[in-house]
Amino acid sequence: MLSFPDIVGTLGVAFVLSAFFGLQAGRFDPQGWGYLCLNLGGASAILVSLLFHFNFASFLIELAWIGISLFGIARRLLTRRRPSAPRQRRSP
């Protein structure tokens, strides 16, 4: 049976791989909330599992993954979309 850290880490891997696959399959926008949150949640879960079974290189990559995800989220929050031009109705 898997231990708690292994379950959390495995869920984290599933989140990160789902985000990557979804992006490659064209289902995610790289600046979209789903992609950003899956990456942040996945990397965070993997980091939690590493607190129980430490590996320095893995710890560094997860810290970087979290930092980049937070950067993307902050950028998304701070970037304001320009108002789009009003849509014109097409005649049938």
PDB file of N, CA and C in Angstrom:
ATOM      1  N   MET A   1       0.838  -1.188   0.000  1.00  0.00           N
ATOM      2  CA  MET A   1       0.000   0.000   0.000  1.00  0.00           C
ATOM      3  C   MET A   1       0.881   1.250   0.000  1.00  0.00           C
ATOM      4  N   LEU A   2       0.453   2.245  -0.743  1.00  0.00           N
ATOM      5  CA  LEU A   2       1.225   3.480  -0.826  1.00  0.00           C
ATOM      6  C   LEU A   2       1.085   4.294   0.458  1.00  0.00           C
ATOM      7  N   SER A   3       2.174   4.940   0.827  1.00  0.00           N
ATOM      8  CA  SER A   3       2.154   5.821   1.995  1.00  0.00           C
ATOM      9  C   SER A   3       1.522   7.160   1.602  1.00  0.00           C
ATOM     10  N   PHE A   4       1.188   7.966   2.601  1.00  0.00           N
ATOM     11  CA  PHE A   4       0.603   9.284   2.351  1.00  0.00           C
ATOM     12  C   PHE A   4       1.481  10.134   1.429  1.00  0.00           C
ATOM     13  N   PRO A   5       2.793  10.254   1.691  1.00  0.00           N
ATOM     14  CA  PRO A   5       3.632  11.062   0.787  1.00  0.00           C
ATOM     15  C   PRO A   5       3.642  10.526  -0.645  1.00  0.00           C
ATOM     16  N   ASP A   6       3.592   9.200  -0.793  1.00  0.00           N
ATOM     17  CA  ASP A   6       3.571   8.621  -2.138  1.00  0.00           C
ATOM     18  C   ASP A   6       2.263   8.935  -2.861  1.00  0.00           C
ATOM     19  N   ILE A   7       1.154   8.909  -2.135  1.00  0.00           N
ATOM     20  CA  ILE A   7      -0.143   9.234  -2.736  1.00  0.00           C
ATOM     21  C   ILE A   7      -0.168  10.696  -3.169  1.00  0.00           C
ATOM     22  N   VAL A   8       0.281  11.583  -2.286  1.00  0.00           N
ATOM     23  CA  VAL A   8       0.304  13.014  -2.606  1.00  0.00           C
ATOM     24  C   VAL A   8       1.221  13.271  -3.802  1.00  0.00           C
ATOM     25  N   GLY A   9       2.403  12.676  -3.800  1.00  0.00           N
ATOM     26  CA  GLY A   9       3.342  12.854  -4.908  1.00  0.00           C
ATOM     27  C   GLY A   9       2.800  12.320  -6.221  1.00  0.00           C
ATOM     28  N   THR A  10       2.123  11.173  -6.166  1.00  0.00           N
ATOM     29  CA  THR A  10       1.546  10.581  -7.367  1.00  0.00           C
ATOM     30  C   THR A  10       0.435  11.463  -7.929  1.00  0.00           C
ATOM     31  N   LEU A  11      -0.384  12.020  -7.053  1.00  0.00           N
ATOM     32  CA  LEU A  11      -1.413  12.959  -7.516  1.00  0.00           C
ATOM     33  C   LEU A  11      -0.769  14.189  -8.158  1.00  0.00           C
ATOM     34  N   GLY A  12       0.326  14.658  -7.567  1.00  0.00           N
ATOM     35  CA  GLY A  12       1.042  15.794  -8.142  1.00  0.00           C
ATOM     36  C   GLY A  12       1.562  15.496  -9.534  1.00  0.00           C
ATOM     37  N   VAL A  13       2.124  14.311  -9.702  1.00  0.00           N
ATOM     38  CA  VAL A  13       2.612  13.902 -11.026  1.00  0.00           C
ATOM     39  C   VAL A  13       1.449  13.852 -12.017  1.00  0.00           C
ATOM     40  N   ALA A  14       0.312  13.310 -11.579  1.00  0.00           N
ATOM     41  CA  ALA A  14      -0.864  13.242 -12.453  1.00  0.00           C
ATOM     42  C   ALA A  14      -1.318  14.643 -12.872  1.00  0.00           C
ATOM     43  N   PHE A  15      -1.283  15.599 -11.943  1.00  0.00           N
ATOM     44  CA  PHE A  15      -1.674  16.974 -12.268  1.00  0.00           C
ATOM     45  C   PHE A  15      -0.732  17.585 -13.301  1.00  0.00           C
ATOM     46  N   VAL A  16       0.568  17.462 -13.063  1.00  0.00           N
ATOM     47  CA  VAL A  16       1.551  18.067 -13.970  1.00  0.00           C
ATOM     48  C   VAL A  16       1.478  17.418 -15.356  1.00  0.00           C
ATOM     49  N   LEU A  17       1.370  16.104 -15.395  1.00  0.00           N
ATOM     50  CA  LEU A  17       1.288  15.425 -16.688  1.00  0.00           C
ATOM     51  C   LEU A  17      -0.020  15.734 -17.403  1.00  0.00           C
ATOM     52  N   SER A  18      -1.109  15.875 -16.657  1.00  0.00           N
ATOM     53  CA  SER A  18      -2.389  16.256 -17.268  1.00  0.00           C
ATOM     54  C   SER A  18      -2.295  17.643 -17.894  1.00  0.00           C
ATOM     55  N   ALA A  19      -1.649  18.559 -17.192  1.00  0.00           N
ATOM     56  CA  ALA A  19      -1.476  19.911 -17.729  1.00  0.00           C
ATOM     57  C   ALA A  19      -0.642  19.875 -19.007  1.00  0.00           C
ATOM     58  N   PHE A  20       0.445  19.132 -18.987  1.00  0.00           N
ATOM     59  CA  PHE A  20       1.327  19.059 -20.155  1.00  0.00           C
ATOM     60  C   PHE A  20       0.616  18.391 -21.327  1.00  0.00           C
ATOM     61  N   PHE A  21      -0.061  17.278 -21.059  1.00  0.00           N
ATOM     62  CA  PHE A  21      -0.785  16.597 -22.125  1.00  0.00           C
ATOM     63  C   PHE A  21      -1.897  17.488 -22.679  1.00  0.00           C
ATOM     64  N   GLY A  22      -2.635  18.130 -21.789  1.00  0.00           N
ATOM     65  CA  GLY A  22      -3.708  19.016 -22.229  1.00  0.00           C
ATOM     66  C   GLY A  22      -3.200  20.151 -23.100  1.00  0.00           C
ATOM     67  N   LEU A  23      -2.037  20.674 -22.755  1.00  0.00           N
ATOM     68  CA  LEU A  23      -1.436  21.737 -23.561  1.00  0.00           C
ATOM     69  C   LEU A  23      -1.049  21.204 -24.937  1.00  0.00           C
ATOM     70  N   GLN A  24      -0.397  20.047 -24.976  1.00  0.00           N
ATOM     71  CA  GLN A  24       0.035  19.465 -26.245  1.00  0.00           C
ATOM     72  C   GLN A  24      -1.145  19.054 -27.112  1.00  0.00           C
ATOM     73  N   ALA A  25      -2.251  18.661 -26.475  1.00  0.00           N
ATOM     74  CA  ALA A  25      -3.444  18.242 -27.212  1.00  0.00           C
ATOM     75  C   ALA A  25      -4.301  19.432 -27.643  1.00  0.00           C
ATOM     76  N   GLY A  26      -3.887  20.637 -27.271  1.00  0.00           N
ATOM     77  CA  GLY A  26      -4.633  21.822 -27.651  1.00  0.00           C
ATOM     78  C   GLY A  26      -5.856  22.087 -26.793  1.00  0.00           C
ATOM     79  N   ARG A  27      -5.936  21.451 -25.645  1.00  0.00           N
ATOM     80  CA  ARG A  27      -7.090  21.630 -24.761  1.00  0.00           C
ATOM     81  C   ARG A  27      -6.881  22.718 -23.716  1.00  0.00           C
ATOM     82  N   PHE A  28      -5.637  23.139 -23.527  1.00  0.00           N
ATOM     83  CA  PHE A  28      -5.334  24.168 -22.539  1.00  0.00           C
ATOM     84  C   PHE A  28      -4.667  25.358 -23.198  1.00  0.00           C
ATOM     85  N   ASP A  29      -5.008  26.520 -22.698  1.00  0.00           N
ATOM     86  CA  ASP A  29      -4.323  27.757 -23.050  1.00  0.00           C
ATOM     87  C   ASP A  29      -3.160  27.886 -22.068  1.00  0.00           C
ATOM     88  N   PRO A  30      -1.932  28.127 -22.527  1.00  0.00           N
ATOM     89  CA  PRO A  30      -0.804  28.208 -21.595  1.00  0.00           C
ATOM     90  C   PRO A  30      -0.927  29.333 -20.574  1.00  0.00           C
ATOM     91  N   GLN A  31      -1.772  30.324 -20.825  1.00  0.00           N
ATOM     92  CA  GLN A  31      -2.020  31.372 -19.833  1.00  0.00           C
ATOM     93  C   GLN A  31      -3.361  31.181 -19.131  1.00  0.00           C
ATOM     94  N   GLY A  32      -4.004  30.051 -19.387  1.00  0.00           N
ATOM     95  CA  GLY A  32      -5.317  29.790 -18.799  1.00  0.00           C
ATOM     96  C   GLY A  32      -5.223  29.312 -17.356  1.00  0.00           C
ATOM     97  N   TRP A  33      -6.310  29.540 -16.621  1.00  0.00           N
ATOM     98  CA  TRP A  33      -6.334  29.168 -15.204  1.00  0.00           C
ATOM     99  C   TRP A  33      -6.144  27.670 -14.991  1.00  0.00           C
ATOM    100  N   GLY A  34      -6.744  26.845 -15.833  1.00  0.00           N
ATOM    101  CA  GLY A  34      -6.626  25.398 -15.665  1.00  0.00           C
ATOM    102  C   GLY A  34      -5.186  24.927 -15.749  1.00  0.00           C
ATOM    103  N   TYR A  35      -4.494  25.388 -16.772  1.00  0.00           N
ATOM    104  CA  TYR A  35      -3.098  25.004 -16.969  1.00  0.00           C
ATOM    105  C   TYR A  35      -2.220  25.495 -15.824  1.00  0.00           C
ATOM    106  N   LEU A  36      -2.386  26.765 -15.462  1.00  0.00           N
ATOM    107  CA  LEU A  36      -1.562  27.349 -14.401  1.00  0.00           C
ATOM    108  C   LEU A  36      -1.809  26.670 -13.054  1.00  0.00           C
ATOM    109  N   CYS A  37      -3.067  26.430 -12.736  1.00  0.00           N
ATOM    110  CA  CYS A  37      -3.396  25.830 -11.433  1.00  0.00           C
ATOM    111  C   CYS A  37      -2.995  24.357 -11.351  1.00  0.00           C
ATOM    112  N   LEU A  38      -3.146  23.622 -12.451  1.00  0.00           N
ATOM    113  CA  LEU A  38      -2.691  22.227 -12.442  1.00  0.00           C
ATOM    114  C   LEU A  38      -1.185  22.150 -12.227  1.00  0.00           C
ATOM    115  N   ASN A  39      -0.443  23.027 -12.879  1.00  0.00           N
ATOM    116  CA  ASN A  39       1.008  23.035 -12.691  1.00  0.00           C
ATOM    117  C   ASN A  39       1.390  23.408 -11.265  1.00  0.00           C
ATOM    118  N   LEU A  40       0.762  24.445 -10.724  1.00  0.00           N
ATOM    119  CA  LEU A  40       1.060  24.867  -9.355  1.00  0.00           C
ATOM    120  C   LEU A  40       0.670  23.787  -8.352  1.00  0.00           C
ATOM    121  N   GLY A  41      -0.511  23.245  -8.494  1.00  0.00           N
ATOM    122  CA  GLY A  41      -0.968  22.198  -7.576  1.00  0.00           C
ATOM    123  C   GLY A  41      -0.125  20.939  -7.672  1.00  0.00           C
ATOM    124  N   GLY A  42       0.218  20.555  -8.889  1.00  0.00           N
ATOM    125  CA  GLY A  42       1.033  19.362  -9.077  1.00  0.00           C
ATOM    126  C   GLY A  42       2.421  19.507  -8.495  1.00  0.00           C
ATOM    127  N   ALA A  43       3.069  20.618  -8.793  1.00  0.00           N
ATOM    128  CA  ALA A  43       4.420  20.847  -8.268  1.00  0.00           C
ATOM    129  C   ALA A  43       4.400  20.954  -6.748  1.00  0.00           C
ATOM    130  N   SER A  44       3.365  21.574  -6.206  1.00  0.00           N
ATOM    131  CA  SER A  44       3.253  21.695  -4.746  1.00  0.00           C
ATOM    132  C   SER A  44       3.072  20.330  -4.093  1.00  0.00           C
ATOM    133  N   ALA A  45       2.250  19.485  -4.696  1.00  0.00           N
ATOM    134  CA  ALA A  45       2.035  18.146  -4.146  1.00  0.00           C
ATOM    135  C   ALA A  45       3.320  17.316  -4.210  1.00  0.00           C
ATOM    136  N   ILE A  46       4.040  17.416  -5.304  1.00  0.00           N
ATOM    137  CA  ILE A  46       5.312  16.696  -5.416  1.00  0.00           C
ATOM    138  C   ILE A  46       6.290  17.209  -4.368  1.00  0.00           C
ATOM    139  N   LEU A  47       6.315  18.520  -4.161  1.00  0.00           N
ATOM    140  CA  LEU A  47       7.196  19.106  -3.147  1.00  0.00           C
ATOM    141  C   LEU A  47       6.848  18.585  -1.754  1.00  0.00           C
ATOM    142  N   VAL A  48       5.566  18.464  -1.454  1.00  0.00           N
ATOM    143  CA  VAL A  48       5.152  17.911  -0.152  1.00  0.00           C
ATOM    144  C   VAL A  48       5.684  16.494   0.002  1.00  0.00           C
ATOM    145  N   SER A  49       5.574  15.690  -1.043  1.00  0.00           N
ATOM    146  CA  SER A  49       6.072  14.315  -0.952  1.00  0.00           C
ATOM    147  C   SER A  49       7.583  14.284  -0.758  1.00  0.00           C
ATOM    148  N   LEU A  50       8.274  15.279  -1.315  1.00  0.00           N
ATOM    149  CA  LEU A  50       9.734  15.334  -1.165  1.00  0.00           C
ATOM    150  C   LEU A  50      10.160  15.704   0.253  1.00  0.00           C
ATOM    151  N   LEU A  51       9.282  16.312   1.008  1.00  0.00           N
ATOM    152  CA  LEU A  51       9.609  16.619   2.401  1.00  0.00           C
ATOM    153  C   LEU A  51       9.755  15.342   3.227  1.00  0.00           C
ATOM    154  N   PHE A  52       9.134  14.259   2.764  1.00  0.00           N
ATOM    155  CA  PHE A  52       9.215  12.976   3.452  1.00  0.00           C
ATOM    156  C   PHE A  52      10.335  12.102   2.901  1.00  0.00           C
ATOM    157  N   HIS A  53      10.575  12.188   1.599  1.00  0.00           N
ATOM    158  CA  HIS A  53      11.625  11.413   0.924  1.00  0.00           C
ATOM    159  C   HIS A  53      12.460  12.404   0.110  1.00  0.00           C
ATOM    160  N   PHE A  54      13.387  13.071   0.772  1.00  0.00           N
ATOM    161  CA  PHE A  54      14.088  14.208   0.171  1.00  0.00           C
ATOM    162  C   PHE A  54      15.060  13.799  -0.922  1.00  0.00           C
ATOM    163  N   ASN A  55      15.046  14.584  -1.988  1.00  0.00           N
ATOM    164  CA  ASN A  55      15.994  14.478  -3.085  1.00  0.00           C
ATOM    165  C   ASN A  55      16.264  15.912  -3.535  1.00  0.00           C
ATOM    166  N   PHE A  56      17.498  16.368  -3.398  1.00  0.00           N
ATOM    167  CA  PHE A  56      17.811  17.780  -3.623  1.00  0.00           C
ATOM    168  C   PHE A  56      17.492  18.240  -5.040  1.00  0.00           C
ATOM    169  N   ALA A  57      17.868  17.463  -6.037  1.00  0.00           N
ATOM    170  CA  ALA A  57      17.619  17.870  -7.428  1.00  0.00           C
ATOM    171  C   ALA A  57      16.119  17.982  -7.701  1.00  0.00           C
ATOM    172  N   SER A  58      15.354  17.032  -7.229  1.00  0.00           N
ATOM    173  CA  SER A  58      13.900  17.083  -7.407  1.00  0.00           C
ATOM    174  C   SER A  58      13.296  18.258  -6.651  1.00  0.00           C
ATOM    175  N   PHE A  59      13.824  18.532  -5.469  1.00  0.00           N
ATOM    176  CA  PHE A  59      13.375  19.668  -4.673  1.00  0.00           C
ATOM    177  C   PHE A  59      13.584  20.971  -5.448  1.00  0.00           C
ATOM    178  N   LEU A  60      14.750  21.120  -6.077  1.00  0.00           N
ATOM    179  CA  LEU A  60      15.039  22.334  -6.850  1.00  0.00           C
ATOM    180  C   LEU A  60      14.103  22.498  -8.040  1.00  0.00           C
ATOM    181  N   ILE A  61      13.865  21.410  -8.773  1.00  0.00           N
ATOM    182  CA  ILE A  61      13.002  21.525  -9.952  1.00  0.00           C
ATOM    183  C   ILE A  61      11.576  21.867  -9.545  1.00  0.00           C
ATOM    184  N   GLU A  62      11.113  21.318  -8.428  1.00  0.00           N
ATOM    185  CA  GLU A  62       9.753  21.624  -7.978  1.00  0.00           C
ATOM    186  C   GLU A  62       9.644  23.056  -7.480  1.00  0.00           C
ATOM    187  N   LEU A  63      10.672  23.557  -6.798  1.00  0.00           N
ATOM    188  CA  LEU A  63      10.669  24.968  -6.393  1.00  0.00           C
ATOM    189  C   LEU A  63      10.612  25.877  -7.618  1.00  0.00           C
ATOM    190  N   ALA A  64      11.395  25.544  -8.638  1.00  0.00           N
ATOM    191  CA  ALA A  64      11.381  26.328  -9.873  1.00  0.00           C
ATOM    192  C   ALA A  64      10.008  26.253 -10.541  1.00  0.00           C
ATOM    193  N   TRP A  65       9.416  25.068 -10.578  1.00  0.00           N
ATOM    194  CA  TRP A  65       8.108  24.865 -11.205  1.00  0.00           C
ATOM    195  C   TRP A  65       7.045  25.701 -10.489  1.00  0.00           C
ATOM    196  N   ILE A  66       7.107  25.703  -9.153  1.00  0.00           N
ATOM    197  CA  ILE A  66       6.169  26.501  -8.358  1.00  0.00           C
ATOM    198  C   ILE A  66       6.393  27.990  -8.623  1.00  0.00           C
ATOM    199  N   GLY A  67       7.653  28.418  -8.627  1.00  0.00           N
ATOM    200  CA  GLY A  67       7.960  29.824  -8.875  1.00  0.00           C
ATOM    201  C   GLY A  67       7.479  30.293 -10.236  1.00  0.00           C
ATOM    202  N   ILE A  68       7.705  29.485 -11.251  1.00  0.00           N
ATOM    203  CA  ILE A  68       7.275  29.844 -12.604  1.00  0.00           C
ATOM    204  C   ILE A  68       5.752  29.856 -12.695  1.00  0.00           C
ATOM    205  N   SER A  69       5.111  28.899 -12.037  1.00  0.00           N
ATOM    206  CA  SER A  69       3.643  28.872 -12.024  1.00  0.00           C
ATOM    207  C   SER A  69       3.080  30.109 -11.333  1.00  0.00           C
ATOM    208  N   LEU A  70       3.676  30.489 -10.210  1.00  0.00           N
ATOM    209  CA  LEU A  70       3.228  31.691  -9.500  1.00  0.00           C
ATOM    210  C   LEU A  70       3.456  32.944 -10.344  1.00  0.00           C
ATOM    211  N   PHE A  71       4.565  32.980 -11.076  1.00  0.00           N
ATOM    212  CA  PHE A  71       4.829  34.087 -11.990  1.00  0.00           C
ATOM    213  C   PHE A  71       3.726  34.172 -13.047  1.00  0.00           C
ATOM    214  N   GLY A  72       3.367  33.026 -13.617  1.00  0.00           N
ATOM    215  CA  GLY A  72       2.307  32.997 -14.628  1.00  0.00           C
ATOM    216  C   GLY A  72       0.967  33.450 -14.067  1.00  0.00           C
ATOM    217  N   ILE A  73       0.660  33.017 -12.848  1.00  0.00           N
ATOM    218  CA  ILE A  73      -0.595  33.424 -12.211  1.00  0.00           C
ATOM    219  C   ILE A  73      -0.581  34.926 -11.929  1.00  0.00           C
ATOM    220  N   ALA A  74       0.532  35.432 -11.401  1.00  0.00           N
ATOM    221  CA  ALA A  74       0.635  36.867 -11.119  1.00  0.00           C
ATOM    222  C   ALA A  74       0.516  37.675 -12.405  1.00  0.00           C
ATOM    223  N   ARG A  75       1.164  37.209 -13.436  1.00  0.00           N
ATOM    224  CA  ARG A  75       1.101  37.898 -14.728  1.00  0.00           C
ATOM    225  C   ARG A  75      -0.332  37.919 -15.247  1.00  0.00           C
ATOM    226  N   ARG A  76      -0.998  36.797 -15.080  1.00  0.00           N
ATOM    227  CA  ARG A  76      -2.399  36.707 -15.523  1.00  0.00           C
ATOM    228  C   ARG A  76      -3.282  37.674 -14.734  1.00  0.00           C
ATOM    229  N   LEU A  77      -3.043  37.759 -13.436  1.00  0.00           N
ATOM    230  CA  LEU A  77      -3.841  38.647 -12.590  1.00  0.00           C
ATOM    231  C   LEU A  77      -3.563  40.123 -12.869  1.00  0.00           C
ATOM    232  N   LEU A  78      -2.311  40.439 -13.186  1.00  0.00           N
ATOM    233  CA  LEU A  78      -1.925  41.837 -13.369  1.00  0.00           C
ATOM    234  C   LEU A  78      -2.127  42.360 -14.784  1.00  0.00           C
ATOM    235  N   THR A  79      -2.203  41.457 -15.728  1.00  0.00           N
ATOM    236  CA  THR A  79      -2.378  41.863 -17.119  1.00  0.00           C
ATOM    237  C   THR A  79      -3.857  42.097 -17.382  1.00  0.00           C
ATOM    238  N   ARG A  80      -4.139  43.275 -17.793  1.00  0.00           N
ATOM    239  CA  ARG A  80      -5.531  43.597 -18.099  1.00  0.00           C
ATOM    240  C   ARG A  80      -5.738  43.442 -19.593  1.00  0.00           C
ATOM    241  N   ARG A  81      -6.822  42.816 -19.915  1.00  0.00           N
ATOM    242  CA  ARG A  81      -7.133  42.672 -21.338  1.00  0.00           C
ATOM    243  C   ARG A  81      -7.662  43.989 -21.876  1.00  0.00           C
ATOM    244  N   ARG A  82      -7.238  44.284 -23.057  1.00  0.00           N
ATOM    245  CA  ARG A  82      -7.748  45.485 -23.715  1.00  0.00           C
ATOM    246  C   ARG A  82      -9.184  45.212 -24.147  1.00  0.00           C
ATOM    247  N   PRO A  83     -10.028  46.202 -24.011  1.00  0.00           N
ATOM    248  CA  PRO A  83     -11.410  45.981 -24.474  1.00  0.00           C
ATOM    249  C   PRO A  83     -11.416  45.717 -25.973  1.00  0.00           C
ATOM    250  N   SER A  84     -12.150  44.716 -26.361  1.00  0.00           N
ATOM    251  CA  SER A  84     -12.205  44.394 -27.787  1.00  0.00           C
ATOM    252  C   SER A  84     -13.211  45.315 -28.474  1.00  0.00           C
ATOM    253  N   ALA A  85     -13.014  45.454 -29.753  1.00  0.00           N
ATOM    254  CA  ALA A  85     -13.924  46.281 -30.539  1.00  0.00           C
ATOM    255  C   ALA A  85     -15.298  45.627 -30.544  1.00  0.00           C
ATOM    256  N   PRO A  86     -16.352  46.426 -30.583  1.00  0.00           N
ATOM    257  CA  PRO A  86     -17.693  45.834 -30.612  1.00  0.00           C
ATOM    258  C   PRO A  86     -17.852  44.956 -31.847  1.00  0.00           C
ATOM    259  N   ARG A  87     -18.510  43.837 -31.642  1.00  0.00           N
ATOM    260  CA  ARG A  87     -18.730  42.919 -32.766  1.00  0.00           C
ATOM    261  C   ARG A  87     -19.819  43.465 -33.681  1.00  0.00           C
ATOM    262  N   GLN A  88     -19.583  43.302 -34.960  1.00  0.00           N
ATOM    263  CA  GLN A  88     -20.587  43.719 -35.929  1.00  0.00           C
ATOM    264  C   GLN A  88     -21.407  42.507 -36.306  1.00  0.00           C
ATOM    265  N   ARG A  89     -22.689  42.727 -36.420  1.00  0.00           N
ATOM    266  CA  ARG A  89     -23.569  41.624 -36.805  1.00  0.00           C
ATOM    267  C   ARG A  89     -23.449  41.391 -38.301  1.00  0.00           C
ATOM    268  N   ARG A  90     -23.373  40.141 -38.643  1.00  0.00           N
ATOM    269  CA  ARG A  90     -23.368  39.787 -40.064  1.00  0.00           C
ATOM    270  C   ARG A  90     -24.807  39.644 -40.538  1.00  0.00           C
ATOM    271  N   SER A  91     -25.045  40.084 -41.739  1.00  0.00           N
ATOM    272  CA  SER A  91     -26.380  39.858 -42.279  1.00  0.00           C
ATOM    273  C   SER A  91     -26.409  38.476 -42.914  1.00  0.00           C
ATOM    274  N   PRO A  92     -27.530  37.774 -42.761  1.00  0.00           N
ATOM    275  CA  PRO A  92     -27.620  36.397 -43.293  1.00  0.00           C
ATOM    276  C   PRO A  92     -27.587  36.295 -44.762  1.00  0.00           C
TER     277      PRO A  92
END
